[in-house]
Amino acid sequence: MIKKIFFFSIFFFLFNLSRESYNAVANWLSDARSLASPNIVIILCGNKKDLEDQRQVTFLEANRFAQENGKID
């Protein structure tokens, strides 16, 4: 019996809602796509939401980035 096995990679990108951290996400995504299997799963998560007064990246901006880059899960 032949079984088909699927291999995939999961990447969890956690950025801290600062501009510097958020700007690095594009590089992380590029690296992951070049190194991982074609069945890649990306999860993008903004951290430190409780520090709203220090937030530099909006939800809409991060959501737009996700959609422009293949609807990151």
PDB file of N, CA and C in Angstrom:
ATOM      1  N   MET A   1       0.837  -1.166   0.000  1.00  0.00           N
ATOM      2  CA  MET A   1       0.000   0.000   0.000  1.00  0.00           C
ATOM      3  C   MET A   1       0.897   1.249   0.000  1.00  0.00           C
ATOM      4  N   ILE A   2       0.530   2.192  -0.842  1.00  0.00           N
ATOM      5  CA  ILE A   2       1.270   3.456  -0.934  1.00  0.00           C
ATOM      6  C   ILE A   2       0.464   4.527  -0.214  1.00  0.00           C
ATOM      7  N   LYS A   3       1.141   5.221   0.650  1.00  0.00           N
ATOM      8  CA  LYS A   3       0.492   6.316   1.376  1.00  0.00           C
ATOM      9  C   LYS A   3       1.129   7.629   0.946  1.00  0.00           C
ATOM     10  N   LYS A   4       0.287   8.584   0.758  1.00  0.00           N
ATOM     11  CA  LYS A   4       0.772   9.913   0.432  1.00  0.00           C
ATOM     12  C   LYS A   4       0.963  10.684   1.727  1.00  0.00           C
ATOM     13  N   ILE A   5       2.135  11.215   1.916  1.00  0.00           N
ATOM     14  CA  ILE A   5       2.452  11.961   3.136  1.00  0.00           C
ATOM     15  C   ILE A   5       2.659  13.430   2.761  1.00  0.00           C
ATOM     16  N   PHE A   6       2.024  14.293   3.497  1.00  0.00           N
ATOM     17  CA  PHE A   6       2.168  15.721   3.268  1.00  0.00           C
ATOM     18  C   PHE A   6       3.057  16.313   4.358  1.00  0.00           C
ATOM     19  N   PHE A   7       4.018  17.067   3.928  1.00  0.00           N
ATOM     20  CA  PHE A   7       4.870  17.777   4.867  1.00  0.00           C
ATOM     21  C   PHE A   7       4.562  19.265   4.735  1.00  0.00           C
ATOM     22  N   PHE A   8       4.463  19.915   5.826  1.00  0.00           N
ATOM     23  CA  PHE A   8       4.247  21.346   5.782  1.00  0.00           C
ATOM     24  C   PHE A   8       4.956  21.999   6.951  1.00  0.00           C
ATOM     25  N   SER A   9       5.140  23.267   6.815  1.00  0.00           N
ATOM     26  CA  SER A   9       5.806  24.048   7.848  1.00  0.00           C
ATOM     27  C   SER A   9       4.835  25.077   8.392  1.00  0.00           C
ATOM     28  N   ILE A  10       4.909  25.294   9.672  1.00  0.00           N
ATOM     29  CA  ILE A  10       4.104  26.327  10.310  1.00  0.00           C
ATOM     30  C   ILE A  10       5.056  27.374  10.884  1.00  0.00           C
ATOM     31  N   PHE A  11       4.805  28.608  10.532  1.00  0.00           N
ATOM     32  CA  PHE A  11       5.587  29.713  11.058  1.00  0.00           C
ATOM     33  C   PHE A  11       4.649  30.636  11.817  1.00  0.00           C
ATOM     34  N   PHE A  12       5.036  30.985  12.992  1.00  0.00           N
ATOM     35  CA  PHE A  12       4.257  31.885  13.843  1.00  0.00           C
ATOM     36  C   PHE A  12       5.073  33.152  13.986  1.00  0.00           C
ATOM     37  N   PHE A  13       4.670  34.200  13.293  1.00  0.00           N
ATOM     38  CA  PHE A  13       5.379  35.470  13.341  1.00  0.00           C
ATOM     39  C   PHE A  13       4.718  36.361  14.378  1.00  0.00           C
ATOM     40  N   LEU A  14       5.441  36.675  15.401  1.00  0.00           N
ATOM     41  CA  LEU A  14       4.943  37.491  16.502  1.00  0.00           C
ATOM     42  C   LEU A  14       5.706  38.816  16.504  1.00  0.00           C
ATOM     43  N   PHE A  15       5.001  39.893  16.215  1.00  0.00           N
ATOM     44  CA  PHE A  15       5.639  41.208  16.249  1.00  0.00           C
ATOM     45  C   PHE A  15       4.987  42.034  17.352  1.00  0.00           C
ATOM     46  N   ASN A  16       5.698  43.007  17.883  1.00  0.00           N
ATOM     47  CA  ASN A  16       5.233  43.678  19.099  1.00  0.00           C
ATOM     48  C   ASN A  16       4.504  45.008  18.862  1.00  0.00           C
ATOM     49  N   LEU A  17       3.918  45.184  17.687  1.00  0.00           N
ATOM     50  CA  LEU A  17       3.147  46.375  17.327  1.00  0.00           C
ATOM     51  C   LEU A  17       3.987  47.650  17.256  1.00  0.00           C
ATOM     52  N   SER A  18       5.312  47.495  17.298  1.00  0.00           N
ATOM     53  CA  SER A  18       6.188  48.638  17.044  1.00  0.00           C
ATOM     54  C   SER A  18       6.498  48.658  15.545  1.00  0.00           C
ATOM     55  N   ARG A  19       6.861  49.814  15.024  1.00  0.00           N
ATOM     56  CA  ARG A  19       7.177  49.940  13.603  1.00  0.00           C
ATOM     57  C   ARG A  19       8.386  49.074  13.239  1.00  0.00           C
ATOM     58  N   GLU A  20       9.404  49.087  14.071  1.00  0.00           N
ATOM     59  CA  GLU A  20      10.616  48.310  13.796  1.00  0.00           C
ATOM     60  C   GLU A  20      10.316  46.808  13.700  1.00  0.00           C
ATOM     61  N   SER A  21       9.574  46.304  14.636  1.00  0.00           N
ATOM     62  CA  SER A  21       9.221  44.891  14.650  1.00  0.00           C
ATOM     63  C   SER A  21       8.339  44.537  13.451  1.00  0.00           C
ATOM     64  N   TYR A  22       7.343  45.368  13.185  1.00  0.00           N
ATOM     65  CA  TYR A  22       6.427  45.129  12.071  1.00  0.00           C
ATOM     66  C   TYR A  22       7.160  45.149  10.728  1.00  0.00           C
ATOM     67  N   ASN A  23       8.085  46.078  10.556  1.00  0.00           N
ATOM     68  CA  ASN A  23       8.832  46.165   9.304  1.00  0.00           C
ATOM     69  C   ASN A  23       9.670  44.919   9.043  1.00  0.00           C
ATOM     70  N   ALA A  24      10.045  44.204  10.074  1.00  0.00           N
ATOM     71  CA  ALA A  24      10.831  42.980   9.920  1.00  0.00           C
ATOM     72  C   ALA A  24       9.994  41.810   9.405  1.00  0.00           C
ATOM     73  N   VAL A  25       8.678  41.894   9.539  1.00  0.00           N
ATOM     74  CA  VAL A  25       7.801  40.779   9.145  1.00  0.00           C
ATOM     75  C   VAL A  25       7.971  40.429   7.670  1.00  0.00           C
ATOM     76  N   ALA A  26       8.102  41.407   6.802  1.00  0.00           N
ATOM     77  CA  ALA A  26       8.270  41.139   5.371  1.00  0.00           C
ATOM     78  C   ALA A  26       9.517  40.300   5.116  1.00  0.00           C
ATOM     79  N   ASN A  27      10.596  40.595   5.836  1.00  0.00           N
ATOM     80  CA  ASN A  27      11.822  39.793   5.684  1.00  0.00           C
ATOM     81  C   ASN A  27      11.628  38.385   6.221  1.00  0.00           C
ATOM     82  N   TRP A  28      10.942  38.260   7.346  1.00  0.00           N
ATOM     83  CA  TRP A  28      10.673  36.934   7.909  1.00  0.00           C
ATOM     84  C   TRP A  28       9.864  36.104   6.929  1.00  0.00           C
ATOM     85  N   LEU A  29       8.866  36.736   6.316  1.00  0.00           N
ATOM     86  CA  LEU A  29       8.009  36.043   5.367  1.00  0.00           C
ATOM     87  C   LEU A  29       8.806  35.591   4.147  1.00  0.00           C
ATOM     88  N   SER A  30       9.630  36.445   3.635  1.00  0.00           N
ATOM     89  CA  SER A  30      10.463  36.098   2.486  1.00  0.00           C
ATOM     90  C   SER A  30      11.386  34.920   2.812  1.00  0.00           C
ATOM     91  N   ASP A  31      12.022  34.974   3.972  1.00  0.00           N
ATOM     92  CA  ASP A  31      12.909  33.878   4.390  1.00  0.00           C
ATOM     93  C   ASP A  31      12.135  32.572   4.537  1.00  0.00           C
ATOM     94  N   ALA A  32      10.987  32.625   5.162  1.00  0.00           N
ATOM     95  CA  ALA A  32      10.184  31.421   5.380  1.00  0.00           C
ATOM     96  C   ALA A  32       9.767  30.812   4.048  1.00  0.00           C
ATOM     97  N   ARG A  33       9.323  31.639   3.135  1.00  0.00           N
ATOM     98  CA  ARG A  33       8.880  31.126   1.831  1.00  0.00           C
ATOM     99  C   ARG A  33      10.036  30.539   1.028  1.00  0.00           C
ATOM    100  N   SER A  34      11.227  31.071   1.185  1.00  0.00           N
ATOM    101  CA  SER A  34      12.358  30.535   0.433  1.00  0.00           C
ATOM    102  C   SER A  34      12.930  29.261   1.058  1.00  0.00           C
ATOM    103  N   LEU A  35      12.714  29.061   2.348  1.00  0.00           N
ATOM    104  CA  LEU A  35      13.305  27.915   3.037  1.00  0.00           C
ATOM    105  C   LEU A  35      12.328  26.776   3.316  1.00  0.00           C
ATOM    106  N   ALA A  36      11.045  27.053   3.314  1.00  0.00           N
ATOM    107  CA  ALA A  36      10.051  26.064   3.746  1.00  0.00           C
ATOM    108  C   ALA A  36       9.481  25.288   2.562  1.00  0.00           C
ATOM    109  N   SER A  37       8.705  24.284   2.896  1.00  0.00           N
ATOM    110  CA  SER A  37       8.012  23.499   1.886  1.00  0.00           C
ATOM    111  C   SER A  37       6.917  24.344   1.247  1.00  0.00           C
ATOM    112  N   PRO A  38       6.397  23.911   0.100  1.00  0.00           N
ATOM    113  CA  PRO A  38       5.322  24.673  -0.552  1.00  0.00           C
ATOM    114  C   PRO A  38       4.029  24.725   0.271  1.00  0.00           C
ATOM    115  N   ASN A  39       3.856  23.802   1.189  1.00  0.00           N
ATOM    116  CA  ASN A  39       2.639  23.743   2.011  1.00  0.00           C
ATOM    117  C   ASN A  39       2.800  24.538   3.299  1.00  0.00           C
ATOM    118  N   ILE A  40       3.283  25.746   3.162  1.00  0.00           N
ATOM    119  CA  ILE A  40       3.606  26.575   4.318  1.00  0.00           C
ATOM    120  C   ILE A  40       2.344  27.194   4.920  1.00  0.00           C
ATOM    121  N   VAL A  41       2.320  27.286   6.232  1.00  0.00           N
ATOM    122  CA  VAL A  41       1.257  27.961   6.959  1.00  0.00           C
ATOM    123  C   VAL A  41       1.909  29.076   7.765  1.00  0.00           C
ATOM    124  N   ILE A  42       1.401  30.285   7.584  1.00  0.00           N
ATOM    125  CA  ILE A  42       1.943  31.449   8.291  1.00  0.00           C
ATOM    126  C   ILE A  42       0.865  32.007   9.208  1.00  0.00           C
ATOM    127  N   ILE A  43       1.235  32.269  10.445  1.00  0.00           N
ATOM    128  CA  ILE A  43       0.338  32.912  11.403  1.00  0.00           C
ATOM    129  C   ILE A  43       1.013  34.212  11.831  1.00  0.00           C
ATOM    130  N   LEU A  44       0.319  35.313  11.626  1.00  0.00           N
ATOM    131  CA  LEU A  44       0.838  36.631  11.974  1.00  0.00           C
ATOM    132  C   LEU A  44       0.090  37.143  13.196  1.00  0.00           C
ATOM    133  N   CYS A  45       0.834  37.522  14.225  1.00  0.00           N
ATOM    134  CA  CYS A  45       0.196  37.944  15.471  1.00  0.00           C
ATOM    135  C   CYS A  45       0.890  39.187  16.022  1.00  0.00           C
ATOM    136  N   GLY A  46       0.100  40.216  16.289  1.00  0.00           N
ATOM    137  CA  GLY A  46       0.616  41.417  16.932  1.00  0.00           C
ATOM    138  C   GLY A  46       0.527  41.260  18.440  1.00  0.00           C
ATOM    139  N   ASN A  47       1.617  41.502  19.114  1.00  0.00           N
ATOM    140  CA  ASN A  47       1.720  41.303  20.559  1.00  0.00           C
ATOM    141  C   ASN A  47       1.757  42.660  21.274  1.00  0.00           C
ATOM    142  N   LYS A  48       1.443  42.653  22.527  1.00  0.00           N
ATOM    143  CA  LYS A  48       1.466  43.824  23.413  1.00  0.00           C
ATOM    144  C   LYS A  48       0.340  44.810  23.100  1.00  0.00           C
ATOM    145  N   LYS A  49      -0.803  44.272  22.721  1.00  0.00           N
ATOM    146  CA  LYS A  49      -1.970  45.099  22.428  1.00  0.00           C
ATOM    147  C   LYS A  49      -2.407  45.916  23.645  1.00  0.00           C
ATOM    148  N   ASP A  50      -2.068  45.422  24.828  1.00  0.00           N
ATOM    149  CA  ASP A  50      -2.446  46.126  26.048  1.00  0.00           C
ATOM    150  C   ASP A  50      -1.712  47.456  26.207  1.00  0.00           C
ATOM    151  N   LEU A  51      -0.657  47.667  25.438  1.00  0.00           N
ATOM    152  CA  LEU A  51       0.087  48.928  25.489  1.00  0.00           C
ATOM    153  C   LEU A  51      -0.379  49.844  24.359  1.00  0.00           C
ATOM    154  N   GLU A  52      -1.673  50.079  24.319  1.00  0.00           N
ATOM    155  CA  GLU A  52      -2.303  50.817  23.228  1.00  0.00           C
ATOM    156  C   GLU A  52      -1.668  52.181  22.996  1.00  0.00           C
ATOM    157  N   ASP A  53      -1.258  52.852  24.036  1.00  0.00           N
ATOM    158  CA  ASP A  53      -0.662  54.186  23.892  1.00  0.00           C
ATOM    159  C   ASP A  53       0.701  54.148  23.205  1.00  0.00           C
ATOM    160  N   GLN A  54       1.342  52.979  23.134  1.00  0.00           N
ATOM    161  CA  GLN A  54       2.640  52.835  22.473  1.00  0.00           C
ATOM    162  C   GLN A  54       2.520  52.167  21.104  1.00  0.00           C
ATOM    163  N   ARG A  55       1.311  51.804  20.729  1.00  0.00           N
ATOM    164  CA  ARG A  55       1.064  51.087  19.476  1.00  0.00           C
ATOM    165  C   ARG A  55       1.443  51.961  18.286  1.00  0.00           C
ATOM    166  N   GLN A  56       2.189  51.376  17.338  1.00  0.00           N
ATOM    167  CA  GLN A  56       2.591  52.082  16.130  1.00  0.00           C
ATOM    168  C   GLN A  56       2.012  51.450  14.858  1.00  0.00           C
ATOM    169  N   VAL A  57       1.451  50.253  14.968  1.00  0.00           N
ATOM    170  CA  VAL A  57       0.890  49.529  13.819  1.00  0.00           C
ATOM    171  C   VAL A  57      -0.584  49.242  14.107  1.00  0.00           C
ATOM    172  N   THR A  58      -1.452  49.676  13.224  1.00  0.00           N
ATOM    173  CA  THR A  58      -2.878  49.455  13.431  1.00  0.00           C
ATOM    174  C   THR A  58      -3.280  48.050  12.977  1.00  0.00           C
ATOM    175  N   PHE A  59      -4.436  47.619  13.469  1.00  0.00           N
ATOM    176  CA  PHE A  59      -4.981  46.338  13.035  1.00  0.00           C
ATOM    177  C   PHE A  59      -5.203  46.339  11.529  1.00  0.00           C
ATOM    178  N   LEU A  60      -5.738  47.432  11.003  1.00  0.00           N
ATOM    179  CA  LEU A  60      -6.015  47.510   9.565  1.00  0.00           C
ATOM    180  C   LEU A  60      -4.743  47.399   8.736  1.00  0.00           C
ATOM    181  N   GLU A  61      -3.676  48.011   9.200  1.00  0.00           N
ATOM    182  CA  GLU A  61      -2.406  47.936   8.478  1.00  0.00           C
ATOM    183  C   GLU A  61      -1.871  46.505   8.450  1.00  0.00           C
ATOM    184  N   ALA A  62      -1.896  45.835   9.582  1.00  0.00           N
ATOM    185  CA  ALA A  62      -1.427  44.451   9.647  1.00  0.00           C
ATOM    186  C   ALA A  62      -2.333  43.527   8.836  1.00  0.00           C
ATOM    187  N   ASN A  63      -3.632  43.766   8.892  1.00  0.00           N
ATOM    188  CA  ASN A  63      -4.584  42.962   8.129  1.00  0.00           C
ATOM    189  C   ASN A  63      -4.357  43.147   6.625  1.00  0.00           C
ATOM    190  N   ARG A  64      -4.124  44.362   6.203  1.00  0.00           N
ATOM    191  CA  ARG A  64      -3.849  44.639   4.796  1.00  0.00           C
ATOM    192  C   ARG A  64      -2.583  43.906   4.345  1.00  0.00           C
ATOM    193  N   PHE A  65      -1.553  43.942   5.177  1.00  0.00           N
ATOM    194  CA  PHE A  65      -0.315  43.233   4.857  1.00  0.00           C
ATOM    195  C   PHE A  65      -0.587  41.735   4.672  1.00  0.00           C
ATOM    196  N   ALA A  66      -1.372  41.171   5.573  1.00  0.00           N
ATOM    197  CA  ALA A  66      -1.695  39.744   5.493  1.00  0.00           C
ATOM    198  C   ALA A  66      -2.421  39.425   4.191  1.00  0.00           C
ATOM    199  N   GLN A  67      -3.383  40.243   3.834  1.00  0.00           N
ATOM    200  CA  GLN A  67      -4.142  39.982   2.612  1.00  0.00           C
ATOM    201  C   GLN A  67      -3.298  40.160   1.360  1.00  0.00           C
ATOM    202  N   GLU A  68      -2.418  41.135   1.377  1.00  0.00           N
ATOM    203  CA  GLU A  68      -1.546  41.369   0.215  1.00  0.00           C
ATOM    204  C   GLU A  68      -0.502  40.269   0.069  1.00  0.00           C
ATOM    205  N   ASN A  69      -0.280  39.526   1.102  1.00  0.00           N
ATOM    206  CA  ASN A  69       0.736  38.468   1.078  1.00  0.00           C
ATOM    207  C   ASN A  69       0.128  37.086   1.181  1.00  0.00           C
ATOM    208  N   GLY A  70      -0.951  36.877   0.503  1.00  0.00           N
ATOM    209  CA  GLY A  70      -1.526  35.547   0.410  1.00  0.00           C
ATOM    210  C   GLY A  70      -2.426  35.160   1.556  1.00  0.00           C
ATOM    211  N   LYS A  71      -3.054  36.149   2.184  1.00  0.00           N
ATOM    212  CA  LYS A  71      -3.968  35.893   3.292  1.00  0.00           C
ATOM    213  C   LYS A  71      -3.334  34.979   4.329  1.00  0.00           C
ATOM    214  N   ILE A  72      -2.322  35.484   4.940  1.00  0.00           N
ATOM    215  CA  ILE A  72      -1.641  34.769   6.019  1.00  0.00           C
ATOM    216  C   ILE A  72      -2.679  34.361   7.038  1.00  0.00           C
ATOM    217  N   ASP A  73      -2.639  33.125   7.509  1.00  0.00           N
ATOM    218  CA  ASP A  73      -3.631  32.613   8.472  1.00  0.00           C
ATOM    219  C   ASP A  73      -3.442  33.235   9.839  1.00  0.00           C
TER     220      ASP A  73
END
